Amino acid sequence: MTLYGLSNCDSCRKARRALDQGGVTHRFIDLRADASDADGRLDATLVERFFACADWETLLNRRSTTWRNLDPEQRDGLDEARARRLVGDHPTLLKRPLLDTGNELIIGFDAEAYDRLR
């Protein structure tokens, strides 16, 4: 299992703690530090994986500072193709954490879903 998130994100820390306490073997990948290139762009393979596993609107964190700081032209009339490009350019637009179990992608910290993984 792979947990994607940000090291300084409270929800990601809760998710890591829950997995550790439940004895669930996983690896953590920081979306900024480990999965992005020198320009801050998210690995294209990950973008494709996330969008293949979940609805693009569910993946977007519209409450994030990054979302609020986007130009209105970037936010208005958003479709899946534009959302993919935005997430690639701004990994912090993804809801976090993202837990890839191999069978599903759990978006956000869901204690009950994490408990079922034990």
C-alpha atoms as a PDB file:
ATOM      1  CA  MET A   1       0.000   0.000   0.000  1.00  0.00           C
ATOM      2  CA  THR A   2       1.112   3.513  -0.722  1.00  0.00           C
ATOM      3  CA  LEU A   3       0.004   6.615   1.140  1.00  0.00           C
ATOM      4  CA  TYR A   4       0.393   9.879  -0.752  1.00  0.00           C
ATOM      5  CA  GLY A   5       0.229  13.197   1.025  1.00  0.00           C
ATOM      6  CA  LEU A   6       2.240  16.002   2.545  1.00  0.00           C
ATOM      7  CA  SER A   7       4.521  15.594   5.537  1.00  0.00           C
ATOM      8  CA  ASN A   8       3.126  18.714   7.200  1.00  0.00           C
ATOM      9  CA  CYS A   9      -0.567  17.854   6.646  1.00  0.00           C
ATOM     10  CA  ASP A  10      -2.546  16.984   9.808  1.00  0.00           C
ATOM     11  CA  SER A  11      -4.859  14.549   7.990  1.00  0.00           C
ATOM     12  CA  CYS A  12      -1.863  12.797   6.453  1.00  0.00           C
ATOM     13  CA  ARG A  13      -0.251  12.458   9.879  1.00  0.00           C
ATOM     14  CA  LYS A  14      -3.498  10.956  11.245  1.00  0.00           C
ATOM     15  CA  ALA A  15      -3.573   8.503   8.352  1.00  0.00           C
ATOM     16  CA  ARG A  16       0.045   7.461   8.901  1.00  0.00           C
ATOM     17  CA  ARG A  17      -0.568   7.003  12.608  1.00  0.00           C
ATOM     18  CA  ALA A  18      -3.714   4.909  11.978  1.00  0.00           C
ATOM     19  CA  LEU A  19      -1.891   2.649   9.531  1.00  0.00           C
ATOM     20  CA  ASP A  20       1.075   2.252  11.887  1.00  0.00           C
ATOM     21  CA  GLN A  21      -1.144   1.504  14.890  1.00  0.00           C
ATOM     22  CA  GLY A  22      -3.146  -0.988  12.846  1.00  0.00           C
ATOM     23  CA  GLY A  23       0.008  -2.776  11.750  1.00  0.00           C
ATOM     24  CA  VAL A  24      -0.691  -2.013   8.088  1.00  0.00           C
ATOM     25  CA  THR A  25       2.475  -2.123   6.000  1.00  0.00           C
ATOM     26  CA  HIS A  26       2.702   0.916   3.759  1.00  0.00           C
ATOM     27  CA  ARG A  27       5.075   3.442   2.345  1.00  0.00           C
ATOM     28  CA  PHE A  28       4.589   7.191   2.459  1.00  0.00           C
ATOM     29  CA  ILE A  29       5.268   9.403  -0.528  1.00  0.00           C
ATOM     30  CA  ASP A  30       5.296  13.162  -0.045  1.00  0.00           C
ATOM     31  CA  LEU A  31       3.616  14.682  -3.089  1.00  0.00           C
ATOM     32  CA  ARG A  32       5.929  17.693  -3.054  1.00  0.00           C
ATOM     33  CA  ALA A  33       9.248  16.202  -1.988  1.00  0.00           C
ATOM     34  CA  ASP A  34       9.128  12.688  -3.448  1.00  0.00           C
ATOM     35  CA  ALA A  35       6.689  12.694  -6.373  1.00  0.00           C
ATOM     36  CA  SER A  36       7.377  16.019  -8.057  1.00  0.00           C
ATOM     37  CA  ASP A  37      10.131  17.143 -10.388  1.00  0.00           C
ATOM     38  CA  ALA A  38      12.460  20.103  -9.814  1.00  0.00           C
ATOM     39  CA  ASP A  39       9.796  22.461 -11.186  1.00  0.00           C
ATOM     40  CA  GLY A  40       7.189  21.148  -8.733  1.00  0.00           C
ATOM     41  CA  ARG A  41       5.192  19.219 -11.337  1.00  0.00           C
ATOM     42  CA  LEU A  42       3.621  15.990 -10.145  1.00  0.00           C
ATOM     43  CA  ASP A  43       4.767  12.794 -11.853  1.00  0.00           C
ATOM     44  CA  ALA A  44       2.464  12.272 -14.867  1.00  0.00           C
ATOM     45  CA  THR A  45       2.096   8.559 -14.101  1.00  0.00           C
ATOM     46  CA  LEU A  46       0.656   9.408 -10.681  1.00  0.00           C
ATOM     47  CA  VAL A  47      -1.739  11.952 -12.152  1.00  0.00           C
ATOM     48  CA  GLU A  48      -3.004   9.289 -14.565  1.00  0.00           C
ATOM     49  CA  ARG A  49      -3.306   6.692 -11.775  1.00  0.00           C
ATOM     50  CA  PHE A  50      -5.294   9.018  -9.518  1.00  0.00           C
ATOM     51  CA  PHE A  51      -7.638  10.143 -12.305  1.00  0.00           C
ATOM     52  CA  ALA A  52      -8.175   6.547 -13.445  1.00  0.00           C
ATOM     53  CA  CYS A  53      -9.191   5.502  -9.916  1.00  0.00           C
ATOM     54  CA  ALA A  54     -11.444   8.372  -8.890  1.00  0.00           C
ATOM     55  CA  ASP A  55     -13.751  11.041 -10.229  1.00  0.00           C
ATOM     56  CA  TRP A  56     -11.756  14.179 -10.967  1.00  0.00           C
ATOM     57  CA  GLU A  57     -14.112  16.397  -8.980  1.00  0.00           C
ATOM     58  CA  THR A  58     -13.623  14.195  -5.918  1.00  0.00           C
ATOM     59  CA  LEU A  59      -9.844  14.483  -6.241  1.00  0.00           C
ATOM     60  CA  LEU A  60      -9.798  18.289  -6.254  1.00  0.00           C
ATOM     61  CA  ASN A  61      -9.415  20.070  -2.942  1.00  0.00           C
ATOM     62  CA  ARG A  62     -11.436  23.202  -3.600  1.00  0.00           C
ATOM     63  CA  ARG A  63     -10.894  24.391  -0.021  1.00  0.00           C
ATOM     64  CA  SER A  64      -7.115  24.523  -0.370  1.00  0.00           C
ATOM     65  CA  THR A  65      -5.069  27.691  -0.358  1.00  0.00           C
ATOM     66  CA  THR A  66      -3.710  26.649  -3.742  1.00  0.00           C
ATOM     67  CA  TRP A  67      -7.250  26.531  -5.195  1.00  0.00           C
ATOM     68  CA  ARG A  68      -8.134  29.923  -3.742  1.00  0.00           C
ATOM     69  CA  ASN A  69      -4.932  31.426  -5.160  1.00  0.00           C
ATOM     70  CA  LEU A  70      -5.614  30.239  -8.719  1.00  0.00           C
ATOM     71  CA  ASP A  71      -6.728  32.821 -11.241  1.00  0.00           C
ATOM     72  CA  PRO A  72     -10.512  32.764 -11.698  1.00  0.00           C
ATOM     73  CA  GLU A  73      -9.929  31.868 -15.366  1.00  0.00           C
ATOM     74  CA  GLN A  74      -8.194  28.671 -14.232  1.00  0.00           C
ATOM     75  CA  ARG A  75     -11.049  27.695 -11.893  1.00  0.00           C
ATOM     76  CA  ASP A  76     -14.026  28.662 -14.058  1.00  0.00           C
ATOM     77  CA  GLY A  77     -15.352  26.131 -16.550  1.00  0.00           C
ATOM     78  CA  LEU A  78     -13.038  23.434 -15.289  1.00  0.00           C
ATOM     79  CA  ASP A  79     -13.263  20.052 -16.991  1.00  0.00           C
ATOM     80  CA  GLU A  80     -11.346  16.818 -16.479  1.00  0.00           C
ATOM     81  CA  ALA A  81      -8.560  17.599 -18.956  1.00  0.00           C
ATOM     82  CA  ARG A  82      -7.898  20.999 -17.392  1.00  0.00           C
ATOM     83  CA  ALA A  83      -8.123  19.487 -13.902  1.00  0.00           C
ATOM     84  CA  ARG A  84      -5.421  16.952 -14.848  1.00  0.00           C
ATOM     85  CA  ARG A  85      -3.131  19.748 -16.010  1.00  0.00           C
ATOM     86  CA  LEU A  86      -3.796  21.809 -12.887  1.00  0.00           C
ATOM     87  CA  VAL A  87      -3.109  18.859 -10.565  1.00  0.00           C
ATOM     88  CA  GLY A  88       0.079  18.150 -12.495  1.00  0.00           C
ATOM     89  CA  ASP A  89       1.172  21.762 -12.062  1.00  0.00           C
ATOM     90  CA  HIS A  90      -0.081  22.094  -8.469  1.00  0.00           C
ATOM     91  CA  PRO A  91       0.039  18.773  -6.526  1.00  0.00           C
ATOM     92  CA  THR A  92      -1.440  20.472  -3.454  1.00  0.00           C
ATOM     93  CA  LEU A  93      -4.758  20.706  -5.327  1.00  0.00           C
ATOM     94  CA  LEU A  94      -5.278  17.012  -4.542  1.00  0.00           C
ATOM     95  CA  LYS A  95      -7.376  16.062  -1.545  1.00  0.00           C
ATOM     96  CA  ARG A  96      -5.149  14.359   0.976  1.00  0.00           C
ATOM     97  CA  PRO A  97      -4.213  11.818   2.003  1.00  0.00           C
ATOM     98  CA  LEU A  98      -4.577   9.411  -0.906  1.00  0.00           C
ATOM     99  CA  LEU A  99      -4.208   5.757   0.041  1.00  0.00           C
ATOM    100  CA  ASP A 100      -3.628   3.419  -2.891  1.00  0.00           C
ATOM    101  CA  THR A 101      -4.424  -0.089  -1.666  1.00  0.00           C
ATOM    102  CA  GLY A 102      -3.821  -1.657  -5.065  1.00  0.00           C
ATOM    103  CA  ASN A 103      -7.567  -2.299  -5.381  1.00  0.00           C
ATOM    104  CA  GLU A 104      -8.925   1.145  -4.592  1.00  0.00           C
ATOM    105  CA  LEU A 105      -7.950   4.718  -3.896  1.00  0.00           C
ATOM    106  CA  ILE A 106      -9.161   6.021  -0.532  1.00  0.00           C
ATOM    107  CA  ILE A 107      -9.369   9.806  -0.706  1.00  0.00           C
ATOM    108  CA  GLY A 108      -9.055  11.742   2.535  1.00  0.00           C
ATOM    109  CA  PHE A 109      -8.625  10.235   5.963  1.00  0.00           C
ATOM    110  CA  ASP A 110     -11.509   7.844   6.676  1.00  0.00           C
ATOM    111  CA  ALA A 111     -10.921   6.062  10.003  1.00  0.00           C
ATOM    112  CA  GLU A 112     -13.485   3.332   9.256  1.00  0.00           C
ATOM    113  CA  ALA A 113     -11.973   2.558   5.850  1.00  0.00           C
ATOM    114  CA  TYR A 114      -8.507   2.426   7.395  1.00  0.00           C
ATOM    115  CA  ASP A 115      -9.736   0.104  10.174  1.00  0.00           C
ATOM    116  CA  ARG A 116     -11.036  -2.334   7.545  1.00  0.00           C
ATOM    117  CA  LEU A 117      -7.485  -2.686   6.193  1.00  0.00           C
ATOM    118  CA  ARG A 118      -6.207  -4.383   9.353  1.00  0.00           C
END
